[in-house]
Amino acid sequence: MKFNNIVRKIKEKFSFMLRSFKYRNYRLFFIGQGVSLIGTWMQQIAGAWLVYRLTGSPFMLGLASFASLIPNLFITPLGGVIADRFDRRKILYFTQTFMMIFAFILAFFVYTDRATIYLIFLLIFLSGIMNAIDAPTRHSFIFEIITKKEDIVNAIALNSAMFNGARLIGPAIAGVIIGFAGEQMCFLINGISFFSVLIAIFMMKIPKRIIQLDSNDFMRNLKDGFKYSFNHPTIKSILFLVTTISVFGMSYNTLLPVYVKETLHSGPQMLGFMMGSIGLGALTGALFIASRKHLKTLIELLSIAGAIFGTGIALVSFSKIPYLSIVLMFIVGFGMVSQVSVANTILQTIVEDRMRGSVMSFYNLSFLGMAPIGNLLMGYLAKNEMLGVSNTLLLSGGICITISIIFLVQIKNIKTNINCISA
């Protein structure tokens, strides 16, 4: 009897954790995006390895990441307004199709041995523009396929689980494929994977969204979104934390190929395993968030998860043992996605629907748009004549720990604000 009760409680726990799957549209979205994201992560690993193979420069790695993410700095706020003004499903058709085309072009030029670093940077930049429009639209789209607000927290956390499950699978596959078939095969697979999300979007049955705008003036909508985001104390505080972590913490991803080759003296297979470990940690963190019942119990995790993330990066800087580094990357992944998921969840919960696209665009601006600055800075500091890769990782982790501790002061005010909204 006792054993049956334990089994029943476990089933109830998993049923609660996966409750967003009761929505048909969400199941389609989850599967389509999940397959596509595996291809995306494969391309990210292959692209980084290709750039480093052609140039041998950690700074060029940082520059490649800069080219990918810099559109978020300028295009994402416009993407948020577009998401609020137009049919989000049609926007996703547009962005996903063009990113698919860019992946096929890159595969062709690498296969024919005609890829230059300039062409690679151009295609990375163009894909970044599409992603800058796609990201706020995708975040806002969740509210159209999840009909009950109480399930939004779970859906966002499961999205993070999907993203990081792909992070776990994609890099591991990429590491093997690069060694046997070259980078071009990863780009080709990524291009094919976009069909899954396009088919999933086509199969969804979504009622027409009523678009509410205070003005038809595009620039005024952009200005209103900015004022709304930065006059709201909780939104402003969260965006500041995410921006700081992004600038000084997320650059670890750019430095990994250098760290693997120069510190661990390993190749693309080890890079794939380390990225896979990050994905496993991130998946664990996402499922942990998905199992939480109440938003208020997650607020402290904004600081705690940031400190865990920074501690993991700092410890990696001291490691010269490959298997120890893989374990530490699990900690990095857990802390990173736990904080990102909680920040995303709080923002999505407190924002008005008419401003959802704009606020999520500023979230993506903070998370992705500011990352190029950090990538360039940390890529420059990682050069051997400067700090070197290990000391740069240590600095990065230390800053993340410090800002997370400072943010603890804001926790009481955020709880008060959420209590007022929930009342």
Protein backbone atom coordinates (compact mmCIF):
# COMPACT_ATOMS: atom_id res chain seq x y z
CA MET A 1 0.00 0.00 0.00
CA LYS A 2 2.80 2.35 0.92
CA PHE A 3 4.60 1.54 -2.35
CA ASN A 4 1.44 2.27 -4.34
CA ASN A 5 1.12 5.65 -2.64
CA ILE A 6 4.70 6.50 -3.56
CA VAL A 7 4.08 5.51 -7.20
CA ARG A 8 0.85 7.55 -7.25
CA LYS A 9 2.61 10.63 -5.86
CA ILE A 10 5.40 10.30 -8.43
CA LYS A 11 2.83 10.07 -11.23
CA GLU A 12 1.02 13.13 -9.89
CA LYS A 13 4.29 15.03 -9.69
CA PHE A 14 5.19 14.27 -13.31
CA SER A 15 1.64 14.98 -14.46
CA PHE A 16 1.81 18.39 -12.77
CA MET A 17 5.28 19.05 -14.17
CA LEU A 18 4.11 18.32 -17.73
CA ARG A 19 0.62 19.87 -17.46
CA SER A 20 1.11 22.19 -20.47
CA PHE A 21 1.10 19.15 -22.77
CA LYS A 22 -2.68 18.93 -22.38
CA TYR A 23 -2.85 21.70 -25.01
CA ARG A 24 -2.63 20.34 -28.57
CA ASN A 25 -1.07 23.52 -29.96
CA TYR A 26 1.60 23.47 -27.28
CA ARG A 27 2.46 19.82 -28.03
CA LEU A 28 2.95 20.72 -31.70
CA PHE A 29 5.03 23.77 -30.78
CA PHE A 30 7.17 21.78 -28.36
CA ILE A 31 7.94 18.97 -30.82
CA GLY A 32 8.54 21.26 -33.82
CA GLN A 33 10.77 23.67 -31.93
CA GLY A 34 12.58 20.83 -30.16
CA VAL A 35 13.68 19.18 -33.41
CA SER A 36 14.65 22.52 -34.96
CA LEU A 37 16.66 23.57 -31.91
CA ILE A 38 18.76 20.41 -32.06
CA GLY A 39 19.82 21.51 -35.53
CA THR A 40 20.42 25.05 -34.31
CA TRP A 41 22.77 23.86 -31.58
CA MET A 42 24.59 21.64 -34.04
CA GLN A 43 25.15 24.65 -36.29
CA GLN A 44 26.32 26.80 -33.38
CA ILE A 45 29.00 24.29 -32.41
CA ALA A 46 30.03 23.67 -36.03
CA GLY A 47 30.14 27.40 -36.76
CA ALA A 48 32.35 28.15 -33.76
CA TRP A 49 34.69 25.29 -34.65
CA LEU A 50 34.83 26.38 -38.29
CA VAL A 51 35.72 29.97 -37.39
CA TYR A 52 38.44 28.85 -34.99
CA ARG A 53 39.78 26.31 -37.52
CA LEU A 54 40.03 28.98 -40.22
CA THR A 55 41.48 31.76 -38.06
CA GLY A 56 43.00 30.21 -34.92
CA SER A 57 41.96 33.36 -33.07
CA PRO A 58 39.85 33.61 -29.88
CA PHE A 59 39.13 37.23 -30.81
CA MET A 60 37.63 36.12 -34.13
CA LEU A 61 35.44 33.70 -32.19
CA GLY A 62 34.22 36.62 -30.13
CA LEU A 63 33.71 38.64 -33.30
CA ALA A 64 31.65 35.82 -34.85
CA SER A 65 29.44 35.71 -31.79
CA PHE A 66 29.22 39.50 -31.96
CA ALA A 67 27.99 39.29 -35.56
CA SER A 68 25.34 36.76 -34.52
CA LEU A 69 24.04 38.69 -31.53
CA ILE A 70 24.53 42.36 -32.39
CA PRO A 71 21.24 42.52 -34.38
CA ASN A 72 19.49 41.92 -31.06
CA LEU A 73 20.82 45.26 -29.87
CA PHE A 74 19.15 47.21 -32.68
CA ILE A 75 16.47 44.99 -34.21
CA THR A 76 14.89 43.28 -31.17
CA PRO A 77 12.94 46.35 -29.91
CA LEU A 78 11.49 46.70 -33.42
CA GLY A 79 10.75 42.97 -33.39
CA GLY A 80 8.75 43.44 -30.19
CA VAL A 81 6.57 46.11 -31.80
CA ILE A 82 6.12 43.88 -34.87
CA ALA A 83 5.01 41.03 -32.58
CA ASP A 84 2.40 43.29 -30.97
CA ARG A 85 1.11 44.73 -34.27
CA PHE A 86 0.92 41.71 -36.61
CA ASP A 87 -0.10 38.04 -36.78
CA ARG A 88 2.59 36.23 -34.78
CA ARG A 89 2.18 32.95 -36.65
CA LYS A 90 2.90 34.64 -39.99
CA ILE A 91 5.95 36.34 -38.48
CA LEU A 92 7.28 32.95 -37.40
CA TYR A 93 6.73 31.53 -40.91
CA PHE A 94 8.83 34.39 -42.29
CA THR A 95 11.74 34.23 -39.83
CA GLN A 96 12.04 30.43 -39.70
CA THR A 97 12.02 30.14 -43.50
CA PHE A 98 14.83 32.64 -43.97
CA MET A 99 16.97 31.06 -41.24
CA MET A 100 16.51 27.73 -43.02
CA ILE A 101 17.69 29.25 -46.33
CA PHE A 102 20.79 30.75 -44.67
CA ALA A 103 21.70 27.35 -43.18
CA PHE A 104 21.49 25.67 -46.61
CA ILE A 105 23.65 28.39 -48.19
CA LEU A 106 26.32 27.97 -45.51
CA ALA A 107 26.30 24.18 -45.96
CA PHE A 108 26.78 24.55 -49.73
CA PHE A 109 29.74 26.95 -49.52
CA VAL A 110 31.53 24.94 -46.83
CA TYR A 111 30.97 21.69 -48.77
CA THR A 112 32.40 23.24 -51.95
CA ASP A 113 35.34 24.66 -49.96
CA ARG A 114 34.44 28.21 -51.00
CA ALA A 115 33.48 29.53 -47.57
CA THR A 116 35.47 32.58 -46.49
CA ILE A 117 35.42 34.14 -43.05
CA TYR A 118 33.62 37.16 -44.54
CA LEU A 119 30.85 35.02 -46.03
CA ILE A 120 30.47 33.14 -42.75
CA PHE A 121 30.16 36.41 -40.82
CA LEU A 122 27.59 37.73 -43.32
CA LEU A 123 25.36 34.65 -43.00
CA ILE A 124 25.73 34.67 -39.22
CA PHE A 125 24.72 38.34 -39.19
CA LEU A 126 21.67 37.78 -41.44
CA SER A 127 20.52 34.86 -39.29
CA GLY A 128 20.95 37.10 -36.25
CA ILE A 129 18.59 39.67 -37.78
CA MET A 130 15.92 37.01 -38.33
CA ASN A 131 16.39 35.70 -34.80
CA ALA A 132 16.05 39.21 -33.35
CA ILE A 133 12.55 39.38 -34.85
CA ASP A 134 11.75 35.74 -34.13
CA ALA A 135 12.63 35.66 -30.41
CA PRO A 136 10.14 38.20 -28.97
CA THR A 137 7.46 36.82 -31.29
CA ARG A 138 8.11 33.26 -30.07
CA HIS A 139 7.98 34.31 -26.41
CA SER A 140 4.73 36.21 -26.93
CA PHE A 141 3.25 33.36 -29.00
CA ILE A 142 3.11 31.15 -25.88
CA PHE A 143 0.12 33.14 -24.61
CA GLU A 144 -1.81 32.29 -27.77
CA ILE A 145 -1.36 28.53 -27.39
CA ILE A 146 -1.77 28.29 -23.59
CA THR A 147 -5.31 29.34 -22.65
CA LYS A 148 -5.05 29.24 -18.85
CA LYS A 149 -2.79 31.81 -17.22
CA GLU A 150 -1.95 29.49 -14.32
CA ASP A 151 -0.19 27.14 -16.77
CA ILE A 152 2.06 29.84 -18.25
CA VAL A 153 4.79 29.35 -15.63
CA ASN A 154 4.91 25.65 -16.50
CA ALA A 155 4.91 26.29 -20.27
CA ILE A 156 7.81 28.75 -20.03
CA ALA A 157 9.81 26.32 -17.89
CA LEU A 158 9.10 23.46 -20.31
CA ASN A 159 10.26 25.71 -23.16
CA SER A 160 13.53 26.11 -21.30
CA ALA A 161 13.67 22.34 -20.85
CA MET A 162 13.11 21.91 -24.60
CA PHE A 163 15.79 24.47 -25.43
CA ASN A 164 18.31 22.89 -23.12
CA GLY A 165 17.38 19.34 -24.03
CA ALA A 166 18.38 20.39 -27.54
CA ARG A 167 21.54 21.91 -26.07
CA LEU A 168 22.27 18.50 -24.56
CA ILE A 169 21.65 16.51 -27.75
CA GLY A 170 22.77 18.91 -30.50
CA PRO A 171 26.37 19.60 -29.42
CA ALA A 172 27.05 15.95 -28.65
CA ILE A 173 25.89 14.96 -32.15
CA ALA A 174 27.78 17.89 -33.70
CA GLY A 175 31.04 16.90 -32.04
CA VAL A 176 30.85 13.43 -33.60
CA ILE A 177 29.64 14.62 -37.02
CA ILE A 178 32.33 17.32 -37.32
CA GLY A 179 34.99 14.68 -36.70
CA PHE A 180 33.63 12.30 -39.37
CA ALA A 181 31.78 14.42 -41.95
CA GLY A 182 32.88 18.02 -41.40
CA GLU A 183 31.06 21.18 -40.38
CA GLN A 184 28.97 21.32 -43.57
CA MET A 185 26.91 18.28 -42.54
CA CYS A 186 25.84 20.06 -39.34
CA PHE A 187 24.71 23.08 -41.37
CA LEU A 188 22.75 20.83 -43.75
CA ILE A 189 21.01 19.02 -40.89
CA ASN A 190 20.09 22.34 -39.31
CA GLY A 191 18.51 23.53 -42.56
CA ILE A 192 16.41 20.37 -42.81
CA SER A 193 15.34 20.65 -39.14
CA PHE A 194 13.49 23.92 -39.81
CA PHE A 195 10.81 21.96 -41.69
CA SER A 196 9.66 20.50 -38.34
CA VAL A 197 8.74 23.87 -36.85
CA LEU A 198 7.18 25.14 -40.08
CA ILE A 199 4.94 22.05 -40.26
CA ALA A 200 4.05 22.37 -36.56
CA ILE A 201 2.99 26.02 -36.94
CA PHE A 202 0.91 25.11 -40.00
CA MET A 203 -0.96 22.38 -38.08
CA MET A 204 -1.93 24.61 -35.14
CA LYS A 205 -5.53 25.74 -34.71
CA ILE A 206 -5.38 29.22 -33.19
CA PRO A 207 -8.24 31.75 -32.95
CA LYS A 208 -7.56 35.12 -34.53
CA ARG A 209 -5.90 37.46 -32.03
CA ILE A 210 -7.51 40.83 -31.36
CA ILE A 211 -4.72 43.36 -31.68
CA GLN A 212 -5.07 46.31 -29.26
CA LEU A 213 -2.92 49.34 -29.96
CA ASP A 214 -3.02 52.81 -28.44
CA SER A 215 -1.66 54.19 -31.69
CA ASN A 216 -0.97 53.07 -35.26
CA ASP A 217 2.29 55.03 -35.19
CA PHE A 218 5.13 52.45 -35.23
CA MET A 219 7.68 54.71 -33.53
CA ARG A 220 5.19 55.75 -30.86
CA ASN A 221 4.51 52.07 -30.14
CA LEU A 222 8.27 51.57 -29.75
CA LYS A 223 8.52 54.55 -27.40
CA ASP A 224 5.51 53.40 -25.35
CA GLY A 225 7.05 49.95 -24.94
CA PHE A 226 10.30 51.48 -23.70
CA LYS A 227 8.51 53.73 -21.19
CA TYR A 228 6.35 50.89 -19.94
CA SER A 229 9.34 48.57 -19.41
CA PHE A 230 11.66 51.02 -17.67
CA ASN A 231 9.06 52.85 -15.59
CA HIS A 232 7.96 49.54 -14.06
CA PRO A 233 10.26 48.93 -11.03
CA THR A 234 10.15 45.12 -11.12
CA ILE A 235 10.62 44.85 -14.89
CA LYS A 236 13.46 47.39 -14.76
CA SER A 237 15.27 45.52 -11.94
CA ILE A 238 15.02 42.17 -13.69
CA LEU A 239 16.23 43.61 -17.00
CA PHE A 240 19.25 45.16 -15.23
CA LEU A 241 20.20 41.83 -13.64
CA VAL A 242 19.80 39.91 -16.90
CA THR A 243 21.84 42.54 -18.78
CA THR A 244 24.74 42.33 -16.33
CA ILE A 245 24.80 38.53 -16.34
CA SER A 246 24.63 38.55 -20.14
CA VAL A 247 27.50 40.99 -20.64
CA PHE A 248 29.89 39.44 -18.13
CA GLY A 249 28.71 35.82 -17.86
CA MET A 250 27.38 34.47 -21.14
CA SER A 251 30.69 34.99 -22.93
CA TYR A 252 31.89 31.71 -21.40
CA ASN A 253 30.15 30.00 -24.33
CA THR A 254 32.31 31.90 -26.82
CA LEU A 255 35.51 31.02 -24.98
CA LEU A 256 34.83 27.29 -24.72
CA PRO A 257 36.55 26.27 -28.01
CA VAL A 258 39.69 28.11 -26.86
CA TYR A 259 39.46 26.63 -23.35
CA VAL A 260 39.01 23.11 -24.74
CA LYS A 261 41.95 23.39 -27.15
CA GLU A 262 44.47 25.40 -25.12
CA THR A 263 43.70 24.42 -21.52
CA LEU A 264 42.29 20.89 -21.85
CA HIS A 265 44.31 20.09 -25.03
CA SER A 266 41.27 18.40 -26.58
CA GLY A 267 39.21 18.61 -29.78
CA PRO A 268 35.64 18.98 -31.05
CA GLN A 269 34.42 15.81 -29.33
CA MET A 270 35.31 17.22 -25.91
CA LEU A 271 33.69 20.54 -26.85
CA GLY A 272 30.53 18.61 -27.69
CA PHE A 273 30.61 16.76 -24.36
CA MET A 274 31.05 20.00 -22.43
CA MET A 275 28.19 21.66 -24.27
CA GLY A 276 26.14 18.55 -23.64
CA SER A 277 26.90 18.76 -19.92
CA ILE A 278 25.73 22.38 -19.90
CA GLY A 279 22.56 21.21 -21.62
CA LEU A 280 21.99 18.44 -19.06
CA GLY A 281 22.42 20.89 -16.19
CA ALA A 282 20.14 23.38 -17.91
CA LEU A 283 17.52 20.68 -18.56
CA THR A 284 17.62 19.73 -14.89
CA GLY A 285 17.20 23.37 -13.89
CA ALA A 286 14.28 23.85 -16.28
CA LEU A 287 12.44 20.77 -14.97
CA PHE A 288 13.07 21.97 -11.43
CA ILE A 289 11.39 25.29 -12.27
CA ALA A 290 8.54 23.48 -14.07
CA SER A 291 7.78 21.52 -10.88
CA ARG A 292 7.27 24.67 -8.80
CA LYS A 293 3.67 25.51 -7.93
CA HIS A 294 3.85 29.17 -7.01
CA LEU A 295 5.64 32.08 -8.64
CA LYS A 296 6.51 33.67 -5.29
CA THR A 297 8.62 30.64 -4.29
CA LEU A 298 10.84 31.24 -7.32
CA ILE A 299 11.80 34.87 -6.73
CA GLU A 300 14.81 34.17 -4.52
CA LEU A 301 16.16 31.92 -7.29
CA LEU A 302 16.91 35.02 -9.37
CA SER A 303 19.84 35.69 -7.07
CA ILE A 304 20.66 32.15 -5.97
CA ALA A 305 20.78 30.81 -9.53
CA GLY A 306 22.96 33.72 -10.66
CA ALA A 307 25.43 32.96 -7.86
CA ILE A 308 25.44 29.24 -8.79
CA PHE A 309 26.08 30.16 -12.43
CA GLY A 310 28.99 32.46 -11.52
CA THR A 311 30.49 29.91 -9.11
CA GLY A 312 30.45 27.23 -11.81
CA ILE A 313 32.30 29.48 -14.29
CA ALA A 314 34.86 30.49 -11.65
CA LEU A 315 35.57 26.84 -10.75
CA VAL A 316 35.95 25.89 -14.43
CA SER A 317 38.70 28.51 -14.72
CA PHE A 318 40.84 26.47 -12.29
CA SER A 319 40.20 23.08 -13.90
CA LYS A 320 42.68 21.44 -16.25
CA ILE A 321 41.04 18.01 -15.99
CA PRO A 322 38.56 17.31 -18.83
CA TYR A 323 36.12 15.16 -16.84
CA LEU A 324 36.07 17.61 -13.92
CA SER A 325 35.32 20.43 -16.35
CA ILE A 326 32.41 18.45 -17.77
CA VAL A 327 30.93 18.09 -14.26
CA LEU A 328 31.41 21.79 -13.53
CA MET A 329 29.67 22.69 -16.77
CA PHE A 330 26.58 20.92 -15.40
CA ILE A 331 26.56 23.45 -12.54
CA VAL A 332 26.95 26.31 -15.02
CA GLY A 333 23.99 25.06 -17.06
CA PHE A 334 21.77 24.56 -14.01
CA GLY A 335 22.39 28.05 -12.65
CA MET A 336 22.08 29.74 -16.03
CA VAL A 337 18.71 28.30 -17.10
CA SER A 338 17.19 28.51 -13.61
CA GLN A 339 17.78 32.25 -13.53
CA VAL A 340 16.70 32.85 -17.13
CA SER A 341 13.50 30.80 -16.68
CA VAL A 342 12.51 32.62 -13.50
CA ALA A 343 13.19 36.05 -15.02
CA ASN A 344 11.18 35.15 -18.13
CA THR A 345 8.32 33.75 -16.02
CA ILE A 346 8.02 36.81 -13.78
CA LEU A 347 8.06 39.19 -16.75
CA GLN A 348 5.45 37.18 -18.67
CA THR A 349 3.24 37.01 -15.57
CA ILE A 350 3.17 40.70 -14.67
CA VAL A 351 3.14 42.32 -18.14
CA GLU A 352 -0.06 43.49 -19.86
CA ASP A 353 -0.80 41.55 -23.05
CA ARG A 354 -0.83 44.69 -25.21
CA MET A 355 2.81 45.29 -24.18
CA ARG A 356 3.93 41.66 -24.14
CA GLY A 357 5.91 41.75 -27.39
CA SER A 358 7.66 44.98 -26.43
CA VAL A 359 8.63 43.84 -22.93
CA MET A 360 9.85 40.47 -24.20
CA SER A 361 11.86 42.27 -26.86
CA PHE A 362 13.66 44.23 -24.12
CA TYR A 363 14.17 40.97 -22.24
CA ASN A 364 15.79 39.48 -25.35
CA LEU A 365 17.76 42.71 -25.79
CA SER A 366 19.08 42.30 -22.25
CA PHE A 367 19.76 38.59 -22.60
CA LEU A 368 21.07 38.41 -26.17
CA GLY A 369 21.51 41.96 -27.43
CA MET A 370 24.04 42.94 -24.79
CA ALA A 371 25.98 39.67 -25.11
CA PRO A 372 28.02 40.86 -28.14
CA ILE A 373 29.61 43.56 -26.00
CA GLY A 374 30.65 40.95 -23.46
CA ASN A 375 31.83 38.56 -26.17
CA LEU A 376 34.11 41.19 -27.68
CA LEU A 377 35.40 42.29 -24.28
CA MET A 378 36.02 38.78 -22.96
CA GLY A 379 37.39 37.60 -26.31
CA TYR A 380 39.92 40.44 -26.17
CA LEU A 381 40.84 39.74 -22.53
CA ALA A 382 41.22 36.00 -23.27
CA LYS A 383 44.16 36.64 -25.61
CA ASN A 384 47.37 35.23 -24.18
CA GLU A 385 49.04 38.64 -24.06
CA MET A 386 46.17 39.93 -21.90
CA LEU A 387 44.58 37.84 -19.11
CA GLY A 388 44.38 34.51 -20.92
CA VAL A 389 41.29 32.30 -21.10
CA SER A 390 41.40 30.91 -17.52
CA ASN A 391 41.75 34.30 -15.82
CA THR A 392 39.03 35.75 -18.04
CA LEU A 393 36.64 32.98 -16.99
CA LEU A 394 37.50 33.65 -13.34
CA LEU A 395 36.75 37.36 -13.77
CA SER A 396 33.48 36.54 -15.52
CA GLY A 397 32.33 34.22 -12.72
CA GLY A 398 33.31 36.68 -10.01
CA ILE A 399 31.25 39.49 -11.54
CA CYS A 400 28.19 37.23 -11.85
CA ILE A 401 28.47 36.21 -8.19
CA THR A 402 28.83 39.84 -7.08
CA ILE A 403 25.85 41.21 -9.03
CA SER A 404 23.65 38.33 -7.87
CA ILE A 405 24.43 39.11 -4.24
CA ILE A 406 23.69 42.82 -4.81
CA PHE A 407 20.35 41.90 -6.40
CA LEU A 408 19.25 40.23 -3.14
CA VAL A 409 18.52 43.73 -1.84
CA GLN A 410 15.78 44.09 -4.49
CA ILE A 411 14.00 40.83 -3.64
CA LYS A 412 11.67 42.34 -1.02
CA ASN A 413 10.50 45.08 -3.39
CA ILE A 414 9.85 42.55 -6.18
CA LYS A 415 7.78 40.34 -3.86
CA THR A 416 5.73 43.35 -2.78
CA ASN A 417 5.08 44.34 -6.39
CA ILE A 418 4.01 40.82 -7.39
CA ASN A 419 1.72 40.60 -4.33
CA CYS A 420 0.00 43.81 -5.47
CA ILE A 421 -0.48 42.40 -8.98
CA SER A 422 -1.78 39.07 -7.67
CA ALA A 423 -4.20 40.72 -5.23
